[in-house]
Amino acid sequence: AKPAAVSGPGALSQRTDGQPVRDI
């Protein structure tokens, strides 16, 4: 319904430098 949240600080952080995953 709304865009994904931005990565949180510290231990709550998640990588945001990924790329779209394409299935083969």
PDBML (XML) file of the C-alpha atoms, coordinates in Angstrom:
<?xml version="1.0" encoding="UTF-8" ?>
<PDBx:datablock datablockName="MODEL"
   xmlns:PDBx="http://pdbml.pdb.org/schema/pdbx-v50.xsd"
   xmlns:xsi="http://www.w3.org/2001/XMLSchema-instance"
   xsi:schemaLocation="http://pdbml.pdb.org/schema/pdbx-v50.xsd pdbx-v50.xsd">
   <PDBx:atom_siteCategory>
      <PDBx:atom_site id="1">
         <PDBx:B_iso_or_equiv>0.00</PDBx:B_iso_or_equiv>
         <PDBx:Cartn_x>0.000</PDBx:Cartn_x>
         <PDBx:Cartn_y>0.000</PDBx:Cartn_y>
         <PDBx:Cartn_z>0.000</PDBx:Cartn_z>
         <PDBx:auth_asym_id>A</PDBx:auth_asym_id>
         <PDBx:auth_atom_id>CA</PDBx:auth_atom_id>
         <PDBx:auth_comp_id>ALA</PDBx:auth_comp_id>
         <PDBx:auth_seq_id>1</PDBx:auth_seq_id>
         <PDBx:group_PDB>ATOM</PDBx:group_PDB>
         <PDBx:label_alt_id xsi:nil="true" />
         <PDBx:label_asym_id>A</PDBx:label_asym_id>
         <PDBx:label_atom_id>CA</PDBx:label_atom_id>
         <PDBx:label_comp_id>ALA</PDBx:label_comp_id>
         <PDBx:label_entity_id>1</PDBx:label_entity_id>
         <PDBx:label_seq_id>1</PDBx:label_seq_id>
         <PDBx:occupancy>1.00</PDBx:occupancy>
         <PDBx:pdbx_PDB_model_num>1</PDBx:pdbx_PDB_model_num>
         <PDBx:type_symbol>C</PDBx:type_symbol>
      </PDBx:atom_site>
      <PDBx:atom_site id="2">
         <PDBx:B_iso_or_equiv>0.00</PDBx:B_iso_or_equiv>
         <PDBx:Cartn_x>2.946</PDBx:Cartn_x>
         <PDBx:Cartn_y>2.313</PDBx:Cartn_y>
         <PDBx:Cartn_z>0.593</PDBx:Cartn_z>
         <PDBx:auth_asym_id>A</PDBx:auth_asym_id>
         <PDBx:auth_atom_id>CA</PDBx:auth_atom_id>
         <PDBx:auth_comp_id>LYS</PDBx:auth_comp_id>
         <PDBx:auth_seq_id>2</PDBx:auth_seq_id>
         <PDBx:group_PDB>ATOM</PDBx:group_PDB>
         <PDBx:label_alt_id xsi:nil="true" />
         <PDBx:label_asym_id>A</PDBx:label_asym_id>
         <PDBx:label_atom_id>CA</PDBx:label_atom_id>
         <PDBx:label_comp_id>LYS</PDBx:label_comp_id>
         <PDBx:label_entity_id>1</PDBx:label_entity_id>
         <PDBx:label_seq_id>2</PDBx:label_seq_id>
         <PDBx:occupancy>1.00</PDBx:occupancy>
         <PDBx:pdbx_PDB_model_num>1</PDBx:pdbx_PDB_model_num>
         <PDBx:type_symbol>C</PDBx:type_symbol>
      </PDBx:atom_site>
      <PDBx:atom_site id="3">
         <PDBx:B_iso_or_equiv>0.00</PDBx:B_iso_or_equiv>
         <PDBx:Cartn_x>6.668</PDBx:Cartn_x>
         <PDBx:Cartn_y>2.134</PDBx:Cartn_y>
         <PDBx:Cartn_z>-0.257</PDBx:Cartn_z>
         <PDBx:auth_asym_id>A</PDBx:auth_asym_id>
         <PDBx:auth_atom_id>CA</PDBx:auth_atom_id>
         <PDBx:auth_comp_id>PRO</PDBx:auth_comp_id>
         <PDBx:auth_seq_id>3</PDBx:auth_seq_id>
         <PDBx:group_PDB>ATOM</PDBx:group_PDB>
         <PDBx:label_alt_id xsi:nil="true" />
         <PDBx:label_asym_id>A</PDBx:label_asym_id>
         <PDBx:label_atom_id>CA</PDBx:label_atom_id>
         <PDBx:label_comp_id>PRO</PDBx:label_comp_id>
         <PDBx:label_entity_id>1</PDBx:label_entity_id>
         <PDBx:label_seq_id>3</PDBx:label_seq_id>
         <PDBx:occupancy>1.00</PDBx:occupancy>
         <PDBx:pdbx_PDB_model_num>1</PDBx:pdbx_PDB_model_num>
         <PDBx:type_symbol>C</PDBx:type_symbol>
      </PDBx:atom_site>
      <PDBx:atom_site id="4">
         <PDBx:B_iso_or_equiv>0.00</PDBx:B_iso_or_equiv>
         <PDBx:Cartn_x>9.007</PDBx:Cartn_x>
         <PDBx:Cartn_y>0.099</PDBx:Cartn_y>
         <PDBx:Cartn_z>1.930</PDBx:Cartn_z>
         <PDBx:auth_asym_id>A</PDBx:auth_asym_id>
         <PDBx:auth_atom_id>CA</PDBx:auth_atom_id>
         <PDBx:auth_comp_id>ALA</PDBx:auth_comp_id>
         <PDBx:auth_seq_id>4</PDBx:auth_seq_id>
         <PDBx:group_PDB>ATOM</PDBx:group_PDB>
         <PDBx:label_alt_id xsi:nil="true" />
         <PDBx:label_asym_id>A</PDBx:label_asym_id>
         <PDBx:label_atom_id>CA</PDBx:label_atom_id>
         <PDBx:label_comp_id>ALA</PDBx:label_comp_id>
         <PDBx:label_entity_id>1</PDBx:label_entity_id>
         <PDBx:label_seq_id>4</PDBx:label_seq_id>
         <PDBx:occupancy>1.00</PDBx:occupancy>
         <PDBx:pdbx_PDB_model_num>1</PDBx:pdbx_PDB_model_num>
         <PDBx:type_symbol>C</PDBx:type_symbol>
      </PDBx:atom_site>
      <PDBx:atom_site id="5">
         <PDBx:B_iso_or_equiv>0.00</PDBx:B_iso_or_equiv>
         <PDBx:Cartn_x>10.501</PDBx:Cartn_x>
         <PDBx:Cartn_y>1.799</PDBx:Cartn_y>
         <PDBx:Cartn_z>4.946</PDBx:Cartn_z>
         <PDBx:auth_asym_id>A</PDBx:auth_asym_id>
         <PDBx:auth_atom_id>CA</PDBx:auth_atom_id>
         <PDBx:auth_comp_id>ALA</PDBx:auth_comp_id>
         <PDBx:auth_seq_id>5</PDBx:auth_seq_id>
         <PDBx:group_PDB>ATOM</PDBx:group_PDB>
         <PDBx:label_alt_id xsi:nil="true" />
         <PDBx:label_asym_id>A</PDBx:label_asym_id>
         <PDBx:label_atom_id>CA</PDBx:label_atom_id>
         <PDBx:label_comp_id>ALA</PDBx:label_comp_id>
         <PDBx:label_entity_id>1</PDBx:label_entity_id>
         <PDBx:label_seq_id>5</PDBx:label_seq_id>
         <PDBx:occupancy>1.00</PDBx:occupancy>
         <PDBx:pdbx_PDB_model_num>1</PDBx:pdbx_PDB_model_num>
         <PDBx:type_symbol>C</PDBx:type_symbol>
      </PDBx:atom_site>
      <PDBx:atom_site id="6">
         <PDBx:B_iso_or_equiv>0.00</PDBx:B_iso_or_equiv>
         <PDBx:Cartn_x>14.070</PDBx:Cartn_x>
         <PDBx:Cartn_y>3.074</PDBx:Cartn_y>
         <PDBx:Cartn_z>5.004</PDBx:Cartn_z>
         <PDBx:auth_asym_id>A</PDBx:auth_asym_id>
         <PDBx:auth_atom_id>CA</PDBx:auth_atom_id>
         <PDBx:auth_comp_id>VAL</PDBx:auth_comp_id>
         <PDBx:auth_seq_id>6</PDBx:auth_seq_id>
         <PDBx:group_PDB>ATOM</PDBx:group_PDB>
         <PDBx:label_alt_id xsi:nil="true" />
         <PDBx:label_asym_id>A</PDBx:label_asym_id>
         <PDBx:label_atom_id>CA</PDBx:label_atom_id>
         <PDBx:label_comp_id>VAL</PDBx:label_comp_id>
         <PDBx:label_entity_id>1</PDBx:label_entity_id>
         <PDBx:label_seq_id>6</PDBx:label_seq_id>
         <PDBx:occupancy>1.00</PDBx:occupancy>
         <PDBx:pdbx_PDB_model_num>1</PDBx:pdbx_PDB_model_num>
         <PDBx:type_symbol>C</PDBx:type_symbol>
      </PDBx:atom_site>
      <PDBx:atom_site id="7">
         <PDBx:B_iso_or_equiv>0.00</PDBx:B_iso_or_equiv>
         <PDBx:Cartn_x>16.622</PDBx:Cartn_x>
         <PDBx:Cartn_y>0.954</PDBx:Cartn_y>
         <PDBx:Cartn_z>6.831</PDBx:Cartn_z>
         <PDBx:auth_asym_id>A</PDBx:auth_asym_id>
         <PDBx:auth_atom_id>CA</PDBx:auth_atom_id>
         <PDBx:auth_comp_id>SER</PDBx:auth_comp_id>
         <PDBx:auth_seq_id>7</PDBx:auth_seq_id>
         <PDBx:group_PDB>ATOM</PDBx:group_PDB>
         <PDBx:label_alt_id xsi:nil="true" />
         <PDBx:label_asym_id>A</PDBx:label_asym_id>
         <PDBx:label_atom_id>CA</PDBx:label_atom_id>
         <PDBx:label_comp_id>SER</PDBx:label_comp_id>
         <PDBx:label_entity_id>1</PDBx:label_entity_id>
         <PDBx:label_seq_id>7</PDBx:label_seq_id>
         <PDBx:occupancy>1.00</PDBx:occupancy>
         <PDBx:pdbx_PDB_model_num>1</PDBx:pdbx_PDB_model_num>
         <PDBx:type_symbol>C</PDBx:type_symbol>
      </PDBx:atom_site>
      <PDBx:atom_site id="8">
         <PDBx:B_iso_or_equiv>0.00</PDBx:B_iso_or_equiv>
         <PDBx:Cartn_x>16.693</PDBx:Cartn_x>
         <PDBx:Cartn_y>1.473</PDBx:Cartn_y>
         <PDBx:Cartn_z>10.601</PDBx:Cartn_z>
         <PDBx:auth_asym_id>A</PDBx:auth_asym_id>
         <PDBx:auth_atom_id>CA</PDBx:auth_atom_id>
         <PDBx:auth_comp_id>GLY</PDBx:auth_comp_id>
         <PDBx:auth_seq_id>8</PDBx:auth_seq_id>
         <PDBx:group_PDB>ATOM</PDBx:group_PDB>
         <PDBx:label_alt_id xsi:nil="true" />
         <PDBx:label_asym_id>A</PDBx:label_asym_id>
         <PDBx:label_atom_id>CA</PDBx:label_atom_id>
         <PDBx:label_comp_id>GLY</PDBx:label_comp_id>
         <PDBx:label_entity_id>1</PDBx:label_entity_id>
         <PDBx:label_seq_id>8</PDBx:label_seq_id>
         <PDBx:occupancy>1.00</PDBx:occupancy>
         <PDBx:pdbx_PDB_model_num>1</PDBx:pdbx_PDB_model_num>
         <PDBx:type_symbol>C</PDBx:type_symbol>
      </PDBx:atom_site>
      <PDBx:atom_site id="9">
         <PDBx:B_iso_or_equiv>0.00</PDBx:B_iso_or_equiv>
         <PDBx:Cartn_x>19.717</PDBx:Cartn_x>
         <PDBx:Cartn_y>2.462</PDBx:Cartn_y>
         <PDBx:Cartn_z>12.735</PDBx:Cartn_z>
         <PDBx:auth_asym_id>A</PDBx:auth_asym_id>
         <PDBx:auth_atom_id>CA</PDBx:auth_atom_id>
         <PDBx:auth_comp_id>PRO</PDBx:auth_comp_id>
         <PDBx:auth_seq_id>9</PDBx:auth_seq_id>
         <PDBx:group_PDB>ATOM</PDBx:group_PDB>
         <PDBx:label_alt_id xsi:nil="true" />
         <PDBx:label_asym_id>A</PDBx:label_asym_id>
         <PDBx:label_atom_id>CA</PDBx:label_atom_id>
         <PDBx:label_comp_id>PRO</PDBx:label_comp_id>
         <PDBx:label_entity_id>1</PDBx:label_entity_id>
         <PDBx:label_seq_id>9</PDBx:label_seq_id>
         <PDBx:occupancy>1.00</PDBx:occupancy>
         <PDBx:pdbx_PDB_model_num>1</PDBx:pdbx_PDB_model_num>
         <PDBx:type_symbol>C</PDBx:type_symbol>
      </PDBx:atom_site>
      <PDBx:atom_site id="10">
         <PDBx:B_iso_or_equiv>0.00</PDBx:B_iso_or_equiv>
         <PDBx:Cartn_x>22.262</PDBx:Cartn_x>
         <PDBx:Cartn_y>0.158</PDBx:Cartn_y>
         <PDBx:Cartn_z>14.362</PDBx:Cartn_z>
         <PDBx:auth_asym_id>A</PDBx:auth_asym_id>
         <PDBx:auth_atom_id>CA</PDBx:auth_atom_id>
         <PDBx:auth_comp_id>GLY</PDBx:auth_comp_id>
         <PDBx:auth_seq_id>10</PDBx:auth_seq_id>
         <PDBx:group_PDB>ATOM</PDBx:group_PDB>
         <PDBx:label_alt_id xsi:nil="true" />
         <PDBx:label_asym_id>A</PDBx:label_asym_id>
         <PDBx:label_atom_id>CA</PDBx:label_atom_id>
         <PDBx:label_comp_id>GLY</PDBx:label_comp_id>
         <PDBx:label_entity_id>1</PDBx:label_entity_id>
         <PDBx:label_seq_id>10</PDBx:label_seq_id>
         <PDBx:occupancy>1.00</PDBx:occupancy>
         <PDBx:pdbx_PDB_model_num>1</PDBx:pdbx_PDB_model_num>
         <PDBx:type_symbol>C</PDBx:type_symbol>
      </PDBx:atom_site>
      <PDBx:atom_site id="11">
         <PDBx:B_iso_or_equiv>0.00</PDBx:B_iso_or_equiv>
         <PDBx:Cartn_x>21.108</PDBx:Cartn_x>
         <PDBx:Cartn_y>-3.392</PDBx:Cartn_y>
         <PDBx:Cartn_z>15.075</PDBx:Cartn_z>
         <PDBx:auth_asym_id>A</PDBx:auth_asym_id>
         <PDBx:auth_atom_id>CA</PDBx:auth_atom_id>
         <PDBx:auth_comp_id>ALA</PDBx:auth_comp_id>
         <PDBx:auth_seq_id>11</PDBx:auth_seq_id>
         <PDBx:group_PDB>ATOM</PDBx:group_PDB>
         <PDBx:label_alt_id xsi:nil="true" />
         <PDBx:label_asym_id>A</PDBx:label_asym_id>
         <PDBx:label_atom_id>CA</PDBx:label_atom_id>
         <PDBx:label_comp_id>ALA</PDBx:label_comp_id>
         <PDBx:label_entity_id>1</PDBx:label_entity_id>
         <PDBx:label_seq_id>11</PDBx:label_seq_id>
         <PDBx:occupancy>1.00</PDBx:occupancy>
         <PDBx:pdbx_PDB_model_num>1</PDBx:pdbx_PDB_model_num>
         <PDBx:type_symbol>C</PDBx:type_symbol>
      </PDBx:atom_site>
      <PDBx:atom_site id="12">
         <PDBx:B_iso_or_equiv>0.00</PDBx:B_iso_or_equiv>
         <PDBx:Cartn_x>17.845</PDBx:Cartn_x>
         <PDBx:Cartn_y>-2.724</PDBx:Cartn_y>
         <PDBx:Cartn_z>13.209</PDBx:Cartn_z>
         <PDBx:auth_asym_id>A</PDBx:auth_asym_id>
         <PDBx:auth_atom_id>CA</PDBx:auth_atom_id>
         <PDBx:auth_comp_id>LEU</PDBx:auth_comp_id>
         <PDBx:auth_seq_id>12</PDBx:auth_seq_id>
         <PDBx:group_PDB>ATOM</PDBx:group_PDB>
         <PDBx:label_alt_id xsi:nil="true" />
         <PDBx:label_asym_id>A</PDBx:label_asym_id>
         <PDBx:label_atom_id>CA</PDBx:label_atom_id>
         <PDBx:label_comp_id>LEU</PDBx:label_comp_id>
         <PDBx:label_entity_id>1</PDBx:label_entity_id>
         <PDBx:label_seq_id>12</PDBx:label_seq_id>
         <PDBx:occupancy>1.00</PDBx:occupancy>
         <PDBx:pdbx_PDB_model_num>1</PDBx:pdbx_PDB_model_num>
         <PDBx:type_symbol>C</PDBx:type_symbol>
      </PDBx:atom_site>
      <PDBx:atom_site id="13">
         <PDBx:B_iso_or_equiv>0.00</PDBx:B_iso_or_equiv>
         <PDBx:Cartn_x>19.621</PDBx:Cartn_x>
         <PDBx:Cartn_y>-1.807</PDBx:Cartn_y>
         <PDBx:Cartn_z>9.985</PDBx:Cartn_z>
         <PDBx:auth_asym_id>A</PDBx:auth_asym_id>
         <PDBx:auth_atom_id>CA</PDBx:auth_atom_id>
         <PDBx:auth_comp_id>SER</PDBx:auth_comp_id>
         <PDBx:auth_seq_id>13</PDBx:auth_seq_id>
         <PDBx:group_PDB>ATOM</PDBx:group_PDB>
         <PDBx:label_alt_id xsi:nil="true" />
         <PDBx:label_asym_id>A</PDBx:label_asym_id>
         <PDBx:label_atom_id>CA</PDBx:label_atom_id>
         <PDBx:label_comp_id>SER</PDBx:label_comp_id>
         <PDBx:label_entity_id>1</PDBx:label_entity_id>
         <PDBx:label_seq_id>13</PDBx:label_seq_id>
         <PDBx:occupancy>1.00</PDBx:occupancy>
         <PDBx:pdbx_PDB_model_num>1</PDBx:pdbx_PDB_model_num>
         <PDBx:type_symbol>C</PDBx:type_symbol>
      </PDBx:atom_site>
      <PDBx:atom_site id="14">
         <PDBx:B_iso_or_equiv>0.00</PDBx:B_iso_or_equiv>
         <PDBx:Cartn_x>19.161</PDBx:Cartn_x>
         <PDBx:Cartn_y>-3.814</PDBx:Cartn_y>
         <PDBx:Cartn_z>6.842</PDBx:Cartn_z>
         <PDBx:auth_asym_id>A</PDBx:auth_asym_id>
         <PDBx:auth_atom_id>CA</PDBx:auth_atom_id>
         <PDBx:auth_comp_id>GLN</PDBx:auth_comp_id>
         <PDBx:auth_seq_id>14</PDBx:auth_seq_id>
         <PDBx:group_PDB>ATOM</PDBx:group_PDB>
         <PDBx:label_alt_id xsi:nil="true" />
         <PDBx:label_asym_id>A</PDBx:label_asym_id>
         <PDBx:label_atom_id>CA</PDBx:label_atom_id>
         <PDBx:label_comp_id>GLN</PDBx:label_comp_id>
         <PDBx:label_entity_id>1</PDBx:label_entity_id>
         <PDBx:label_seq_id>14</PDBx:label_seq_id>
         <PDBx:occupancy>1.00</PDBx:occupancy>
         <PDBx:pdbx_PDB_model_num>1</PDBx:pdbx_PDB_model_num>
         <PDBx:type_symbol>C</PDBx:type_symbol>
      </PDBx:atom_site>
      <PDBx:atom_site id="15">
         <PDBx:B_iso_or_equiv>0.00</PDBx:B_iso_or_equiv>
         <PDBx:Cartn_x>21.227</PDBx:Cartn_x>
         <PDBx:Cartn_y>-3.658</PDBx:Cartn_y>
         <PDBx:Cartn_z>3.682</PDBx:Cartn_z>
         <PDBx:auth_asym_id>A</PDBx:auth_asym_id>
         <PDBx:auth_atom_id>CA</PDBx:auth_atom_id>
         <PDBx:auth_comp_id>ARG</PDBx:auth_comp_id>
         <PDBx:auth_seq_id>15</PDBx:auth_seq_id>
         <PDBx:group_PDB>ATOM</PDBx:group_PDB>
         <PDBx:label_alt_id xsi:nil="true" />
         <PDBx:label_asym_id>A</PDBx:label_asym_id>
         <PDBx:label_atom_id>CA</PDBx:label_atom_id>
         <PDBx:label_comp_id>ARG</PDBx:label_comp_id>
         <PDBx:label_entity_id>1</PDBx:label_entity_id>
         <PDBx:label_seq_id>15</PDBx:label_seq_id>
         <PDBx:occupancy>1.00</PDBx:occupancy>
         <PDBx:pdbx_PDB_model_num>1</PDBx:pdbx_PDB_model_num>
         <PDBx:type_symbol>C</PDBx:type_symbol>
      </PDBx:atom_site>
      <PDBx:atom_site id="16">
         <PDBx:B_iso_or_equiv>0.00</PDBx:B_iso_or_equiv>
         <PDBx:Cartn_x>19.771</PDBx:Cartn_x>
         <PDBx:Cartn_y>-1.334</PDBx:Cartn_y>
         <PDBx:Cartn_z>1.085</PDBx:Cartn_z>
         <PDBx:auth_asym_id>A</PDBx:auth_asym_id>
         <PDBx:auth_atom_id>CA</PDBx:auth_atom_id>
         <PDBx:auth_comp_id>THR</PDBx:auth_comp_id>
         <PDBx:auth_seq_id>16</PDBx:auth_seq_id>
         <PDBx:group_PDB>ATOM</PDBx:group_PDB>
         <PDBx:label_alt_id xsi:nil="true" />
         <PDBx:label_asym_id>A</PDBx:label_asym_id>
         <PDBx:label_atom_id>CA</PDBx:label_atom_id>
         <PDBx:label_comp_id>THR</PDBx:label_comp_id>
         <PDBx:label_entity_id>1</PDBx:label_entity_id>
         <PDBx:label_seq_id>16</PDBx:label_seq_id>
         <PDBx:occupancy>1.00</PDBx:occupancy>
         <PDBx:pdbx_PDB_model_num>1</PDBx:pdbx_PDB_model_num>
         <PDBx:type_symbol>C</PDBx:type_symbol>
      </PDBx:atom_site>
      <PDBx:atom_site id="17">
         <PDBx:B_iso_or_equiv>0.00</PDBx:B_iso_or_equiv>
         <PDBx:Cartn_x>22.508</PDBx:Cartn_x>
         <PDBx:Cartn_y>-1.669</PDBx:Cartn_y>
         <PDBx:Cartn_z>-1.521</PDBx:Cartn_z>
         <PDBx:auth_asym_id>A</PDBx:auth_asym_id>
         <PDBx:auth_atom_id>CA</PDBx:auth_atom_id>
         <PDBx:auth_comp_id>ASP</PDBx:auth_comp_id>
         <PDBx:auth_seq_id>17</PDBx:auth_seq_id>
         <PDBx:group_PDB>ATOM</PDBx:group_PDB>
         <PDBx:label_alt_id xsi:nil="true" />
         <PDBx:label_asym_id>A</PDBx:label_asym_id>
         <PDBx:label_atom_id>CA</PDBx:label_atom_id>
         <PDBx:label_comp_id>ASP</PDBx:label_comp_id>
         <PDBx:label_entity_id>1</PDBx:label_entity_id>
         <PDBx:label_seq_id>17</PDBx:label_seq_id>
         <PDBx:occupancy>1.00</PDBx:occupancy>
         <PDBx:pdbx_PDB_model_num>1</PDBx:pdbx_PDB_model_num>
         <PDBx:type_symbol>C</PDBx:type_symbol>
      </PDBx:atom_site>
      <PDBx:atom_site id="18">
         <PDBx:B_iso_or_equiv>0.00</PDBx:B_iso_or_equiv>
         <PDBx:Cartn_x>20.971</PDBx:Cartn_x>
         <PDBx:Cartn_y>-4.797</PDBx:Cartn_y>
         <PDBx:Cartn_z>-3.061</PDBx:Cartn_z>
         <PDBx:auth_asym_id>A</PDBx:auth_asym_id>
         <PDBx:auth_atom_id>CA</PDBx:auth_atom_id>
         <PDBx:auth_comp_id>GLY</PDBx:auth_comp_id>
         <PDBx:auth_seq_id>18</PDBx:auth_seq_id>
         <PDBx:group_PDB>ATOM</PDBx:group_PDB>
         <PDBx:label_alt_id xsi:nil="true" />
         <PDBx:label_asym_id>A</PDBx:label_asym_id>
         <PDBx:label_atom_id>CA</PDBx:label_atom_id>
         <PDBx:label_comp_id>GLY</PDBx:label_comp_id>
         <PDBx:label_entity_id>1</PDBx:label_entity_id>
         <PDBx:label_seq_id>18</PDBx:label_seq_id>
         <PDBx:occupancy>1.00</PDBx:occupancy>
         <PDBx:pdbx_PDB_model_num>1</PDBx:pdbx_PDB_model_num>
         <PDBx:type_symbol>C</PDBx:type_symbol>
      </PDBx:atom_site>
      <PDBx:atom_site id="19">
         <PDBx:B_iso_or_equiv>0.00</PDBx:B_iso_or_equiv>
         <PDBx:Cartn_x>19.582</PDBx:Cartn_x>
         <PDBx:Cartn_y>-5.173</PDBx:Cartn_y>
         <PDBx:Cartn_z>-6.507</PDBx:Cartn_z>
         <PDBx:auth_asym_id>A</PDBx:auth_asym_id>
         <PDBx:auth_atom_id>CA</PDBx:auth_atom_id>
         <PDBx:auth_comp_id>GLN</PDBx:auth_comp_id>
         <PDBx:auth_seq_id>19</PDBx:auth_seq_id>
         <PDBx:group_PDB>ATOM</PDBx:group_PDB>
         <PDBx:label_alt_id xsi:nil="true" />
         <PDBx:label_asym_id>A</PDBx:label_asym_id>
         <PDBx:label_atom_id>CA</PDBx:label_atom_id>
         <PDBx:label_comp_id>GLN</PDBx:label_comp_id>
         <PDBx:label_entity_id>1</PDBx:label_entity_id>
         <PDBx:label_seq_id>19</PDBx:label_seq_id>
         <PDBx:occupancy>1.00</PDBx:occupancy>
         <PDBx:pdbx_PDB_model_num>1</PDBx:pdbx_PDB_model_num>
         <PDBx:type_symbol>C</PDBx:type_symbol>
      </PDBx:atom_site>
      <PDBx:atom_site id="20">
         <PDBx:B_iso_or_equiv>0.00</PDBx:B_iso_or_equiv>
         <PDBx:Cartn_x>16.279</PDBx:Cartn_x>
         <PDBx:Cartn_y>-6.462</PDBx:Cartn_y>
         <PDBx:Cartn_z>-7.896</PDBx:Cartn_z>
         <PDBx:auth_asym_id>A</PDBx:auth_asym_id>
         <PDBx:auth_atom_id>CA</PDBx:auth_atom_id>
         <PDBx:auth_comp_id>PRO</PDBx:auth_comp_id>
         <PDBx:auth_seq_id>20</PDBx:auth_seq_id>
         <PDBx:group_PDB>ATOM</PDBx:group_PDB>
         <PDBx:label_alt_id xsi:nil="true" />
         <PDBx:label_asym_id>A</PDBx:label_asym_id>
         <PDBx:label_atom_id>CA</PDBx:label_atom_id>
         <PDBx:label_comp_id>PRO</PDBx:label_comp_id>
         <PDBx:label_entity_id>1</PDBx:label_entity_id>
         <PDBx:label_seq_id>20</PDBx:label_seq_id>
         <PDBx:occupancy>1.00</PDBx:occupancy>
         <PDBx:pdbx_PDB_model_num>1</PDBx:pdbx_PDB_model_num>
         <PDBx:type_symbol>C</PDBx:type_symbol>
      </PDBx:atom_site>
      <PDBx:atom_site id="21">
         <PDBx:B_iso_or_equiv>0.00</PDBx:B_iso_or_equiv>
         <PDBx:Cartn_x>16.266</PDBx:Cartn_x>
         <PDBx:Cartn_y>-10.254</PDBx:Cartn_y>
         <PDBx:Cartn_z>-7.882</PDBx:Cartn_z>
         <PDBx:auth_asym_id>A</PDBx:auth_asym_id>
         <PDBx:auth_atom_id>CA</PDBx:auth_atom_id>
         <PDBx:auth_comp_id>VAL</PDBx:auth_comp_id>
         <PDBx:auth_seq_id>21</PDBx:auth_seq_id>
         <PDBx:group_PDB>ATOM</PDBx:group_PDB>
         <PDBx:label_alt_id xsi:nil="true" />
         <PDBx:label_asym_id>A</PDBx:label_asym_id>
         <PDBx:label_atom_id>CA</PDBx:label_atom_id>
         <PDBx:label_comp_id>VAL</PDBx:label_comp_id>
         <PDBx:label_entity_id>1</PDBx:label_entity_id>
         <PDBx:label_seq_id>21</PDBx:label_seq_id>
         <PDBx:occupancy>1.00</PDBx:occupancy>
         <PDBx:pdbx_PDB_model_num>1</PDBx:pdbx_PDB_model_num>
         <PDBx:type_symbol>C</PDBx:type_symbol>
      </PDBx:atom_site>
      <PDBx:atom_site id="22">
         <PDBx:B_iso_or_equiv>0.00</PDBx:B_iso_or_equiv>
         <PDBx:Cartn_x>15.415</PDBx:Cartn_x>
         <PDBx:Cartn_y>-11.877</PDBx:Cartn_y>
         <PDBx:Cartn_z>-11.196</PDBx:Cartn_z>
         <PDBx:auth_asym_id>A</PDBx:auth_asym_id>
         <PDBx:auth_atom_id>CA</PDBx:auth_atom_id>
         <PDBx:auth_comp_id>ARG</PDBx:auth_comp_id>
         <PDBx:auth_seq_id>22</PDBx:auth_seq_id>
         <PDBx:group_PDB>ATOM</PDBx:group_PDB>
         <PDBx:label_alt_id xsi:nil="true" />
         <PDBx:label_asym_id>A</PDBx:label_asym_id>
         <PDBx:label_atom_id>CA</PDBx:label_atom_id>
         <PDBx:label_comp_id>ARG</PDBx:label_comp_id>
         <PDBx:label_entity_id>1</PDBx:label_entity_id>
         <PDBx:label_seq_id>22</PDBx:label_seq_id>
         <PDBx:occupancy>1.00</PDBx:occupancy>
         <PDBx:pdbx_PDB_model_num>1</PDBx:pdbx_PDB_model_num>
         <PDBx:type_symbol>C</PDBx:type_symbol>
      </PDBx:atom_site>
      <PDBx:atom_site id="23">
         <PDBx:B_iso_or_equiv>0.00</PDBx:B_iso_or_equiv>
         <PDBx:Cartn_x>14.360</PDBx:Cartn_x>
         <PDBx:Cartn_y>-15.509</PDBx:Cartn_y>
         <PDBx:Cartn_z>-11.329</PDBx:Cartn_z>
         <PDBx:auth_asym_id>A</PDBx:auth_asym_id>
         <PDBx:auth_atom_id>CA</PDBx:auth_atom_id>
         <PDBx:auth_comp_id>ASP</PDBx:auth_comp_id>
         <PDBx:auth_seq_id>23</PDBx:auth_seq_id>
         <PDBx:group_PDB>ATOM</PDBx:group_PDB>
         <PDBx:label_alt_id xsi:nil="true" />
         <PDBx:label_asym_id>A</PDBx:label_asym_id>
         <PDBx:label_atom_id>CA</PDBx:label_atom_id>
         <PDBx:label_comp_id>ASP</PDBx:label_comp_id>
         <PDBx:label_entity_id>1</PDBx:label_entity_id>
         <PDBx:label_seq_id>23</PDBx:label_seq_id>
         <PDBx:occupancy>1.00</PDBx:occupancy>
         <PDBx:pdbx_PDB_model_num>1</PDBx:pdbx_PDB_model_num>
         <PDBx:type_symbol>C</PDBx:type_symbol>
      </PDBx:atom_site>
      <PDBx:atom_site id="24">
         <PDBx:B_iso_or_equiv>0.00</PDBx:B_iso_or_equiv>
         <PDBx:Cartn_x>15.844</PDBx:Cartn_x>
         <PDBx:Cartn_y>-17.676</PDBx:Cartn_y>
         <PDBx:Cartn_z>-14.035</PDBx:Cartn_z>
         <PDBx:auth_asym_id>A</PDBx:auth_asym_id>
         <PDBx:auth_atom_id>CA</PDBx:auth_atom_id>
         <PDBx:auth_comp_id>ILE</PDBx:auth_comp_id>
         <PDBx:auth_seq_id>24</PDBx:auth_seq_id>
         <PDBx:group_PDB>ATOM</PDBx:group_PDB>
         <PDBx:label_alt_id xsi:nil="true" />
         <PDBx:label_asym_id>A</PDBx:label_asym_id>
         <PDBx:label_atom_id>CA</PDBx:label_atom_id>
         <PDBx:label_comp_id>ILE</PDBx:label_comp_id>
         <PDBx:label_entity_id>1</PDBx:label_entity_id>
         <PDBx:label_seq_id>24</PDBx:label_seq_id>
         <PDBx:occupancy>1.00</PDBx:occupancy>
         <PDBx:pdbx_PDB_model_num>1</PDBx:pdbx_PDB_model_num>
         <PDBx:type_symbol>C</PDBx:type_symbol>
      </PDBx:atom_site>
   </PDBx:atom_siteCategory>
</PDBx:datablock>
